[in-house]
Amino acid sequence: MPAPDIRFCRLCGASTEQRIPPMEDRRRAVCPACGYIDYVNPVNVVGTVPVWREDPEQPRILLCLRNIEPRYGYWTLPAGFLETGETTAEGAARETWEEAGARVEMEGLVSVLDVVRASQVHVFYRARLLDLDLQPGPETIENRLVTIDEIPWDEIAFRTVRQTLEHWVEDHARGAFGLHVGPVS
């Protein structure tokens, strides 16, 4: 994904110039009037793999059917953009509440995936559902609790969600959860 074409300074409104600032190694939008350098950095997407463990042998994962583009009508994990002023765990819990109406307790990271082409980093946490009082938010058509065998692999919205679910399933099968880091495959 190309960097946005920033034409005006966000501080003073003057026209910017694309140039390599001193002590830098890449072109940036630089304001010749006030000297402000506009850095364009990746966006963080945070979410959870929310699990209900009534039967430890058959945990059920909460999935959300998307009510928005991109990938309307496909299944996803609850996730969204991190907001200023919150930790990644707080953002993931908030997104889980907003999209699924689910209250969770965080249990540790599952994956940190670089989505370089979209200029994003996706961070997913393992999470324990505290109850089954689930209310889909406006971005979700419906919530569904699925066993591992019921995961609709061909209907998963995003590669990062699929990769995170694959890691979670593998870790569950071996009885030990780890952190999975790298680019989206």
C-alpha atoms as a PDB file:
ATOM      1  CA  MET A   1       0.000   0.000   0.000  1.00  0.00           C
ATOM      2  CA  PRO A   2       1.589   3.308  -1.020  1.00  0.00           C
ATOM      3  CA  ALA A   3       1.942   6.017   1.595  1.00  0.00           C
ATOM      4  CA  PRO A   4      -0.771   8.672   1.456  1.00  0.00           C
ATOM      5  CA  ASP A   5      -0.033  11.788  -0.562  1.00  0.00           C
ATOM      6  CA  ILE A   6       0.116  14.405   2.193  1.00  0.00           C
ATOM      7  CA  ARG A   7      -0.142  17.758   0.471  1.00  0.00           C
ATOM      8  CA  PHE A   8      -0.716  20.118   3.387  1.00  0.00           C
ATOM      9  CA  CYS A   9       0.928  20.508   6.788  1.00  0.00           C
ATOM     10  CA  ARG A  10      -1.302  19.345   9.619  1.00  0.00           C
ATOM     11  CA  LEU A  11       0.192  22.019  11.896  1.00  0.00           C
ATOM     12  CA  CYS A  12       0.133  25.207   9.827  1.00  0.00           C
ATOM     13  CA  GLY A  13      -1.708  24.277   6.606  1.00  0.00           C
ATOM     14  CA  ALA A  14       1.095  25.224   4.211  1.00  0.00           C
ATOM     15  CA  SER A  15       1.817  23.040   1.160  1.00  0.00           C
ATOM     16  CA  THR A  16       4.279  20.257   1.916  1.00  0.00           C
ATOM     17  CA  GLU A  17       7.192  19.040  -0.167  1.00  0.00           C
ATOM     18  CA  GLN A  18       8.257  15.429  -0.639  1.00  0.00           C
ATOM     19  CA  ARG A  19      11.924  15.176   0.320  1.00  0.00           C
ATOM     20  CA  ILE A  20      14.354  13.229   2.451  1.00  0.00           C
ATOM     21  CA  PRO A  21      14.810  15.154   5.720  1.00  0.00           C
ATOM     22  CA  PRO A  22      18.259  15.390   7.357  1.00  0.00           C
ATOM     23  CA  MET A  23      19.245  12.180   9.203  1.00  0.00           C
ATOM     24  CA  GLU A  24      16.469  10.227   7.435  1.00  0.00           C
ATOM     25  CA  ASP A  25      16.571   7.566   4.740  1.00  0.00           C
ATOM     26  CA  ARG A  26      13.220   7.981   2.955  1.00  0.00           C
ATOM     27  CA  ARG A  27      11.007  10.627   1.430  1.00  0.00           C
ATOM     28  CA  ARG A  28       8.511  12.288   3.730  1.00  0.00           C
ATOM     29  CA  ALA A  29       6.045  15.153   3.549  1.00  0.00           C
ATOM     30  CA  VAL A  30       8.004  18.124   4.934  1.00  0.00           C
ATOM     31  CA  CYS A  31       6.546  21.566   5.561  1.00  0.00           C
ATOM     32  CA  PRO A  32       8.893  24.274   4.250  1.00  0.00           C
ATOM     33  CA  ALA A  33       7.011  26.894   6.316  1.00  0.00           C
ATOM     34  CA  CYS A  34       7.247  25.427   9.827  1.00  0.00           C
ATOM     35  CA  GLY A  35       9.592  22.435   9.333  1.00  0.00           C
ATOM     36  CA  TYR A  36       7.075  19.793  10.460  1.00  0.00           C
ATOM     37  CA  ILE A  37       7.814  16.301   9.135  1.00  0.00           C
ATOM     38  CA  ASP A  38       4.719  14.132   8.635  1.00  0.00           C
ATOM     39  CA  TYR A  39       5.564  10.518   9.475  1.00  0.00           C
ATOM     40  CA  VAL A  40       3.207   7.875   8.107  1.00  0.00           C
ATOM     41  CA  ASN A  41       3.435   4.740  10.223  1.00  0.00           C
ATOM     42  CA  PRO A  42       1.606   1.389  10.282  1.00  0.00           C
ATOM     43  CA  VAL A  43      -1.782   1.103  11.946  1.00  0.00           C
ATOM     44  CA  ASN A  44      -2.361  -1.437  14.735  1.00  0.00           C
ATOM     45  CA  VAL A  45      -5.292  -3.839  14.524  1.00  0.00           C
ATOM     46  CA  VAL A  46      -6.077  -5.632  17.794  1.00  0.00           C
ATOM     47  CA  GLY A  47      -8.386  -8.535  18.530  1.00  0.00           C
ATOM     48  CA  THR A  48      -9.049 -11.717  20.437  1.00  0.00           C
ATOM     49  CA  VAL A  49      -9.594 -15.425  20.030  1.00  0.00           C
ATOM     50  CA  PRO A  50     -12.464 -15.609  22.553  1.00  0.00           C
ATOM     51  CA  VAL A  51     -13.022 -19.134  23.866  1.00  0.00           C
ATOM     52  CA  TRP A  52     -15.757 -20.776  25.983  1.00  0.00           C
ATOM     53  CA  ARG A  53     -14.378 -23.803  27.842  1.00  0.00           C
ATOM     54  CA  GLU A  54     -17.435 -25.514  29.291  1.00  0.00           C
ATOM     55  CA  ASP A  55     -15.907 -28.763  27.990  1.00  0.00           C
ATOM     56  CA  PRO A  56     -12.081 -28.526  28.040  1.00  0.00           C
ATOM     57  CA  GLU A  57     -11.874 -31.203  25.332  1.00  0.00           C
ATOM     58  CA  GLN A  58     -14.254 -29.274  23.054  1.00  0.00           C
ATOM     59  CA  PRO A  59     -13.552 -25.545  23.517  1.00  0.00           C
ATOM     60  CA  ARG A  60     -15.760 -23.279  21.448  1.00  0.00           C
ATOM     61  CA  ILE A  61     -14.378 -20.216  19.678  1.00  0.00           C
ATOM     62  CA  LEU A  62     -16.491 -17.097  19.195  1.00  0.00           C
ATOM     63  CA  LEU A  63     -16.664 -15.928  15.579  1.00  0.00           C
ATOM     64  CA  CYS A  64     -18.417 -12.858  14.170  1.00  0.00           C
ATOM     65  CA  LEU A  65     -20.155 -12.674  10.789  1.00  0.00           C
ATOM     66  CA  ARG A  66     -19.119  -9.332   9.255  1.00  0.00           C
ATOM     67  CA  ASN A  67     -21.821  -6.741   8.580  1.00  0.00           C
ATOM     68  CA  ILE A  68     -19.383  -4.302   6.906  1.00  0.00           C
ATOM     69  CA  GLU A  69     -16.909  -4.201   4.047  1.00  0.00           C
ATOM     70  CA  PRO A  70     -14.322  -5.331   3.449  1.00  0.00           C
ATOM     71  CA  ARG A  71     -15.387  -8.984   3.413  1.00  0.00           C
ATOM     72  CA  TYR A  72     -19.066  -8.469   4.275  1.00  0.00           C
ATOM     73  CA  GLY A  73     -20.708 -11.810   5.070  1.00  0.00           C
ATOM     74  CA  TYR A  74     -17.486 -13.602   6.022  1.00  0.00           C
ATOM     75  CA  TRP A  75     -16.487 -14.890   9.451  1.00  0.00           C
ATOM     76  CA  THR A  76     -13.842 -13.192  11.563  1.00  0.00           C
ATOM     77  CA  LEU A  77     -12.507 -12.893  15.061  1.00  0.00           C
ATOM     78  CA  PRO A  78     -13.533  -9.725  16.905  1.00  0.00           C
ATOM     79  CA  ALA A  79     -10.887  -7.137  16.065  1.00  0.00           C
ATOM     80  CA  GLY A  80     -10.417  -3.551  14.966  1.00  0.00           C
ATOM     81  CA  PHE A  81      -8.200  -0.508  15.111  1.00  0.00           C
ATOM     82  CA  LEU A  82      -6.344   0.360  18.299  1.00  0.00           C
ATOM     83  CA  GLU A  83      -7.384   3.757  19.666  1.00  0.00           C
ATOM     84  CA  THR A  84      -5.058   6.382  21.107  1.00  0.00           C
ATOM     85  CA  GLY A  85      -4.821   6.112  24.890  1.00  0.00           C
ATOM     86  CA  GLU A  86      -5.343   2.359  25.240  1.00  0.00           C
ATOM     87  CA  THR A  87      -3.040  -0.626  25.508  1.00  0.00           C
ATOM     88  CA  THR A  88      -3.252  -3.368  22.892  1.00  0.00           C
ATOM     89  CA  ALA A  89      -5.008  -5.612  25.446  1.00  0.00           C
ATOM     90  CA  GLU A  90      -7.511  -2.872  26.331  1.00  0.00           C
ATOM     91  CA  GLY A  91      -8.182  -2.256  22.643  1.00  0.00           C
ATOM     92  CA  ALA A  92      -8.661  -5.955  21.944  1.00  0.00           C
ATOM     93  CA  ALA A  93     -11.120  -6.271  24.853  1.00  0.00           C
ATOM     94  CA  ARG A  94     -12.988  -3.159  23.669  1.00  0.00           C
ATOM     95  CA  GLU A  95     -13.232  -4.467  20.108  1.00  0.00           C
ATOM     96  CA  THR A  96     -14.500  -7.817  21.419  1.00  0.00           C
ATOM     97  CA  TRP A  97     -17.193  -5.985  23.376  1.00  0.00           C
ATOM     98  CA  GLU A  98     -18.126  -3.676  20.460  1.00  0.00           C
ATOM     99  CA  GLU A  99     -18.313  -6.397  17.813  1.00  0.00           C
ATOM    100  CA  ALA A 100     -19.638  -9.339  19.810  1.00  0.00           C
ATOM    101  CA  GLY A 101     -21.014  -7.929  23.058  1.00  0.00           C
ATOM    102  CA  ALA A 102     -18.633 -10.343  24.769  1.00  0.00           C
ATOM    103  CA  ARG A 103     -16.872  -9.800  28.063  1.00  0.00           C
ATOM    104  CA  VAL A 104     -13.451 -11.480  28.170  1.00  0.00           C
ATOM    105  CA  GLU A 105     -10.427 -12.031  30.340  1.00  0.00           C
ATOM    106  CA  MET A 106      -7.114 -11.865  28.499  1.00  0.00           C
ATOM    107  CA  GLU A 107      -4.868 -14.928  28.633  1.00  0.00           C
ATOM    108  CA  GLY A 108      -1.832 -13.881  26.601  1.00  0.00           C
ATOM    109  CA  LEU A 109      -0.812 -13.154  23.047  1.00  0.00           C
ATOM    110  CA  VAL A 110      -1.416 -15.595  20.207  1.00  0.00           C
ATOM    111  CA  SER A 111      -0.022 -13.708  17.229  1.00  0.00           C
ATOM    112  CA  VAL A 112       1.643 -10.519  16.080  1.00  0.00           C
ATOM    113  CA  LEU A 113       1.407 -10.452  12.285  1.00  0.00           C
ATOM    114  CA  ASP A 114       2.904  -7.897   9.914  1.00  0.00           C
ATOM    115  CA  VAL A 115       0.634  -6.958   7.011  1.00  0.00           C
ATOM    116  CA  VAL A 116       3.194  -4.885   5.140  1.00  0.00           C
ATOM    117  CA  ARG A 117       1.106  -4.375   1.964  1.00  0.00           C
ATOM    118  CA  ALA A 118      -1.670  -2.753   4.054  1.00  0.00           C
ATOM    119  CA  SER A 119       0.748  -0.936   6.398  1.00  0.00           C
ATOM    120  CA  GLN A 120      -0.752  -2.697   9.426  1.00  0.00           C
ATOM    121  CA  VAL A 121       0.290  -4.850  12.372  1.00  0.00           C
ATOM    122  CA  HIS A 122      -2.353  -7.312  13.648  1.00  0.00           C
ATOM    123  CA  VAL A 123      -2.147  -8.339  17.314  1.00  0.00           C
ATOM    124  CA  PHE A 124      -4.401 -11.138  18.639  1.00  0.00           C
ATOM    125  CA  TYR A 125      -4.838 -12.266  22.242  1.00  0.00           C
ATOM    126  CA  ARG A 126      -6.154 -15.506  23.667  1.00  0.00           C
ATOM    127  CA  ALA A 127      -9.222 -14.610  25.719  1.00  0.00           C
ATOM    128  CA  ARG A 128     -11.598 -16.474  28.023  1.00  0.00           C
ATOM    129  CA  LEU A 129     -15.283 -15.654  27.602  1.00  0.00           C
ATOM    130  CA  LEU A 130     -16.703 -14.680  31.005  1.00  0.00           C
ATOM    131  CA  ASP A 131     -20.300 -15.517  30.076  1.00  0.00           C
ATOM    132  CA  LEU A 132     -22.496 -16.272  27.071  1.00  0.00           C
ATOM    133  CA  ASP A 133     -24.542 -13.065  27.198  1.00  0.00           C
ATOM    134  CA  LEU A 134     -23.477 -12.143  23.658  1.00  0.00           C
ATOM    135  CA  GLN A 135     -24.962  -9.236  21.711  1.00  0.00           C
ATOM    136  CA  PRO A 136     -23.623  -8.587  18.195  1.00  0.00           C
ATOM    137  CA  GLY A 137     -22.735  -4.954  17.578  1.00  0.00           C
ATOM    138  CA  PRO A 138     -23.612  -2.992  14.431  1.00  0.00           C
ATOM    139  CA  GLU A 139     -20.565  -4.331  12.548  1.00  0.00           C
ATOM    140  CA  THR A 140     -21.652  -7.949  13.176  1.00  0.00           C
ATOM    141  CA  ILE A 141     -24.594  -9.816  11.628  1.00  0.00           C
ATOM    142  CA  GLU A 142     -24.375 -12.684  14.115  1.00  0.00           C
ATOM    143  CA  ASN A 143     -22.078 -14.336  16.631  1.00  0.00           C
ATOM    144  CA  ARG A 144     -21.422 -18.053  16.595  1.00  0.00           C
ATOM    145  CA  LEU A 145     -19.594 -20.343  18.983  1.00  0.00           C
ATOM    146  CA  VAL A 146     -17.851 -23.098  17.026  1.00  0.00           C
ATOM    147  CA  THR A 147     -15.822 -26.135  17.958  1.00  0.00           C
ATOM    148  CA  ILE A 148     -12.492 -26.630  16.238  1.00  0.00           C
ATOM    149  CA  ASP A 149     -14.133 -29.040  13.775  1.00  0.00           C
ATOM    150  CA  GLU A 150     -16.801 -26.445  12.945  1.00  0.00           C
ATOM    151  CA  ILE A 151     -14.476 -23.566  12.001  1.00  0.00           C
ATOM    152  CA  PRO A 152     -15.655 -22.409   8.543  1.00  0.00           C
ATOM    153  CA  TRP A 153     -12.140 -22.246   7.048  1.00  0.00           C
ATOM    154  CA  ASP A 154     -13.351 -21.381   3.528  1.00  0.00           C
ATOM    155  CA  GLU A 155     -15.441 -18.493   4.859  1.00  0.00           C
ATOM    156  CA  ILE A 156     -12.815 -16.737   7.003  1.00  0.00           C
ATOM    157  CA  ALA A 157     -12.573 -13.027   6.135  1.00  0.00           C
ATOM    158  CA  PHE A 158      -8.850 -12.300   6.446  1.00  0.00           C
ATOM    159  CA  ARG A 159      -5.539 -14.146   6.192  1.00  0.00           C
ATOM    160  CA  THR A 160      -4.422 -12.832   9.591  1.00  0.00           C
ATOM    161  CA  VAL A 161      -7.559 -14.275  11.195  1.00  0.00           C
ATOM    162  CA  ARG A 162      -7.056 -17.619   9.445  1.00  0.00           C
ATOM    163  CA  GLN A 163      -3.377 -17.730  10.414  1.00  0.00           C
ATOM    164  CA  THR A 164      -4.196 -16.841  14.035  1.00  0.00           C
ATOM    165  CA  LEU A 165      -6.889 -19.535  14.211  1.00  0.00           C
ATOM    166  CA  GLU A 166      -4.490 -22.093  12.706  1.00  0.00           C
ATOM    167  CA  HIS A 167      -1.876 -21.232  15.355  1.00  0.00           C
ATOM    168  CA  TRP A 168      -4.468 -21.410  18.141  1.00  0.00           C
ATOM    169  CA  VAL A 169      -5.742 -24.813  16.951  1.00  0.00           C
ATOM    170  CA  GLU A 170      -2.190 -26.218  16.674  1.00  0.00           C
ATOM    171  CA  ASP A 171      -1.252 -24.901  20.118  1.00  0.00           C
ATOM    172  CA  HIS A 172      -4.457 -26.285  21.664  1.00  0.00           C
ATOM    173  CA  ALA A 173      -3.752 -29.717  20.134  1.00  0.00           C
ATOM    174  CA  ARG A 174      -0.259 -29.849  21.657  1.00  0.00           C
ATOM    175  CA  GLY A 175      -1.477 -28.477  25.009  1.00  0.00           C
ATOM    176  CA  ALA A 176       0.807 -25.438  25.095  1.00  0.00           C
ATOM    177  CA  PHE A 177       0.221 -21.943  23.751  1.00  0.00           C
ATOM    178  CA  GLY A 178       3.013 -19.876  22.265  1.00  0.00           C
ATOM    179  CA  LEU A 179       3.448 -16.537  20.586  1.00  0.00           C
ATOM    180  CA  HIS A 180       3.483 -16.564  16.773  1.00  0.00           C
ATOM    181  CA  VAL A 181       5.245 -13.641  15.096  1.00  0.00           C
ATOM    182  CA  GLY A 182       5.966 -12.824  11.477  1.00  0.00           C
ATOM    183  CA  PRO A 183       4.552 -11.614   8.196  1.00  0.00           C
ATOM    184  CA  VAL A 184       1.118 -12.733   7.088  1.00  0.00           C
ATOM    185  CA  SER A 185       1.556 -15.730   4.817  1.00  0.00           C
END
